[in-house]
C-alpha atoms as a PDB file:
ATOM      1  CA  MET A   1      -0.250   9.668   0.286  1.00  0.00           C
ATOM      2  CA  ASP A   2      -0.644  11.788  -2.599  1.00  0.00           C
ATOM      3  CA  LYS A   3      -1.336   9.620  -6.199  1.00  0.00           C
ATOM      4  CA  LEU A   4       1.841  10.825  -7.509  1.00  0.00           C
ATOM      5  CA  GLU A   5       3.738   9.734  -4.801  1.00  0.00           C
ATOM      6  CA  LEU A   6       2.348   6.269  -4.887  1.00  0.00           C
ATOM      7  CA  LYS A   7       2.471   6.269  -8.847  1.00  0.00           C
ATOM      8  CA  GLY A   8       6.490   6.821  -8.781  1.00  0.00           C
ATOM      9  CA  LYS A   9       7.464   5.303  -6.076  1.00  0.00           C
ATOM     10  CA  TRP A  10       5.354   1.820  -5.766  1.00  0.00           C
ATOM     11  CA  ASN A  11       7.504  -0.938  -6.692  1.00  0.00           C
ATOM     12  CA  GLU A  12      10.087   0.501  -4.377  1.00  0.00           C
ATOM     13  CA  ILE A  13       7.254   0.741  -1.380  1.00  0.00           C
ATOM     14  CA  LYS A  14       5.282  -2.584  -2.551  1.00  0.00           C
ATOM     15  CA  GLY A  15       8.855  -4.246  -1.359  1.00  0.00           C
ATOM     16  CA  LYS A  16       9.345  -2.767   1.684  1.00  0.00           C
ATOM     17  CA  ILE A  17       5.536  -3.941   2.643  1.00  0.00           C
ATOM     18  CA  LYS A  18       6.331  -7.517   1.404  1.00  0.00           C
ATOM     19  CA  GLN A  19       9.319  -7.693   3.400  1.00  0.00           C
ATOM     20  CA  SER A  20       6.830  -6.620   6.380  1.00  0.00           C
ATOM     21  CA  HIS A  21       3.999  -8.362   5.755  1.00  0.00           C
ATOM     22  CA  ALA A  22       5.216 -11.662   3.643  1.00  0.00           C
ATOM     23  CA  ASP A  23       1.523 -12.855   4.049  1.00  0.00           C
ATOM     24  CA  LEU A  24       0.515 -10.226   1.609  1.00  0.00           C
ATOM     25  CA  THR A  25       0.419 -11.217  -2.042  1.00  0.00           C
ATOM     26  CA  ASP A  26       1.207  -9.207  -5.149  1.00  0.00           C
ATOM     27  CA  ASP A  27      -3.105  -8.827  -5.743  1.00  0.00           C
ATOM     28  CA  ASP A  28      -3.505  -7.436  -2.210  1.00  0.00           C
ATOM     29  CA  LEU A  29      -0.427  -5.143  -3.501  1.00  0.00           C
ATOM     30  CA  GLN A  30      -2.121  -4.507  -7.210  1.00  0.00           C
ATOM     31  CA  TYR A  31      -1.786  -0.462  -7.833  1.00  0.00           C
ATOM     32  CA  GLU A  32      -3.470   0.680 -10.747  1.00  0.00           C
ATOM     33  CA  GLU A  33      -3.376   4.536 -11.224  1.00  0.00           C
ATOM     34  CA  GLY A  34      -6.624   6.112  -9.647  1.00  0.00           C
ATOM     35  CA  LYS A  35      -7.726   2.936  -7.893  1.00  0.00           C
ATOM     36  CA  ASP A  36      -6.139   3.958  -4.357  1.00  0.00           C
ATOM     37  CA  ASP A  37      -9.503   2.938  -2.418  1.00  0.00           C
ATOM     38  CA  GLU A  38      -9.186  -0.157  -3.531  1.00  0.00           C
ATOM     39  CA  LEU A  39      -5.307  -0.777  -3.052  1.00  0.00           C
ATOM     40  CA  PHE A  40      -6.370   0.581   0.441  1.00  0.00           C
ATOM     41  CA  GLY A  41      -9.506  -1.158   1.188  1.00  0.00           C
ATOM     42  CA  ARG A  42      -7.432  -5.283   0.517  1.00  0.00           C
ATOM     43  CA  LEU A  43      -4.404  -3.452   3.160  1.00  0.00           C
ATOM     44  CA  GLN A  44      -7.201  -2.685   5.653  1.00  0.00           C
ATOM     45  CA  GLN A  45      -8.781  -6.150   5.452  1.00  0.00           C
ATOM     46  CA  LYS A  46      -5.147  -8.143   5.384  1.00  0.00           C
ATOM     47  CA  LEU A  47      -3.903  -5.389   7.758  1.00  0.00           C
ATOM     48  CA  GLY A  48      -7.009  -4.463  10.066  1.00  0.00           C
ATOM     49  CA  LYS A  49      -5.661  -1.148  10.230  1.00  0.00           C
ATOM     50  CA  THR A  50      -7.512   1.930   9.389  1.00  0.00           C
ATOM     51  CA  LYS A  51      -6.891   4.267   5.956  1.00  0.00           C
ATOM     52  CA  ASP A  52      -4.962   7.009   8.293  1.00  0.00           C
ATOM     53  CA  GLU A  53      -2.809   4.183   9.695  1.00  0.00           C
ATOM     54  CA  LEU A  54      -1.884   2.649   6.437  1.00  0.00           C
ATOM     55  CA  VAL A  55      -1.326   6.012   4.376  1.00  0.00           C
ATOM     56  CA  ALA A  56       1.155   7.309   7.569  1.00  0.00           C
ATOM     57  CA  TRP A  57       3.048   3.705   7.309  1.00  0.00           C
ATOM     58  CA  ILE A  58       3.271   3.930   3.412  1.00  0.00           C
ATOM     59  CA  ARG A  59       4.597   7.431   3.728  1.00  0.00           C
ATOM     60  CA  SER A  60       6.943   6.224   6.415  1.00  0.00           C
ATOM     61  CA  LEU A  61       8.560   3.115   3.969  1.00  0.00           C
ATOM     62  CA  GLY A  62       8.801   6.150   1.132  1.00  0.00           C
END
């Protein structure tokens, strides 16, 4: 996912992620510009998916 895609739509995407995975917390989904790898790392740990799988899934939500 491009940084611009995350930046502009993150609140909307975050809501869709929470609907799919209620066990994820706001801390898990905290996004700061330039810290994409940290976000993906947290999601990988919680969901057991690869970064590529997460990117594809997040793109499908946006």
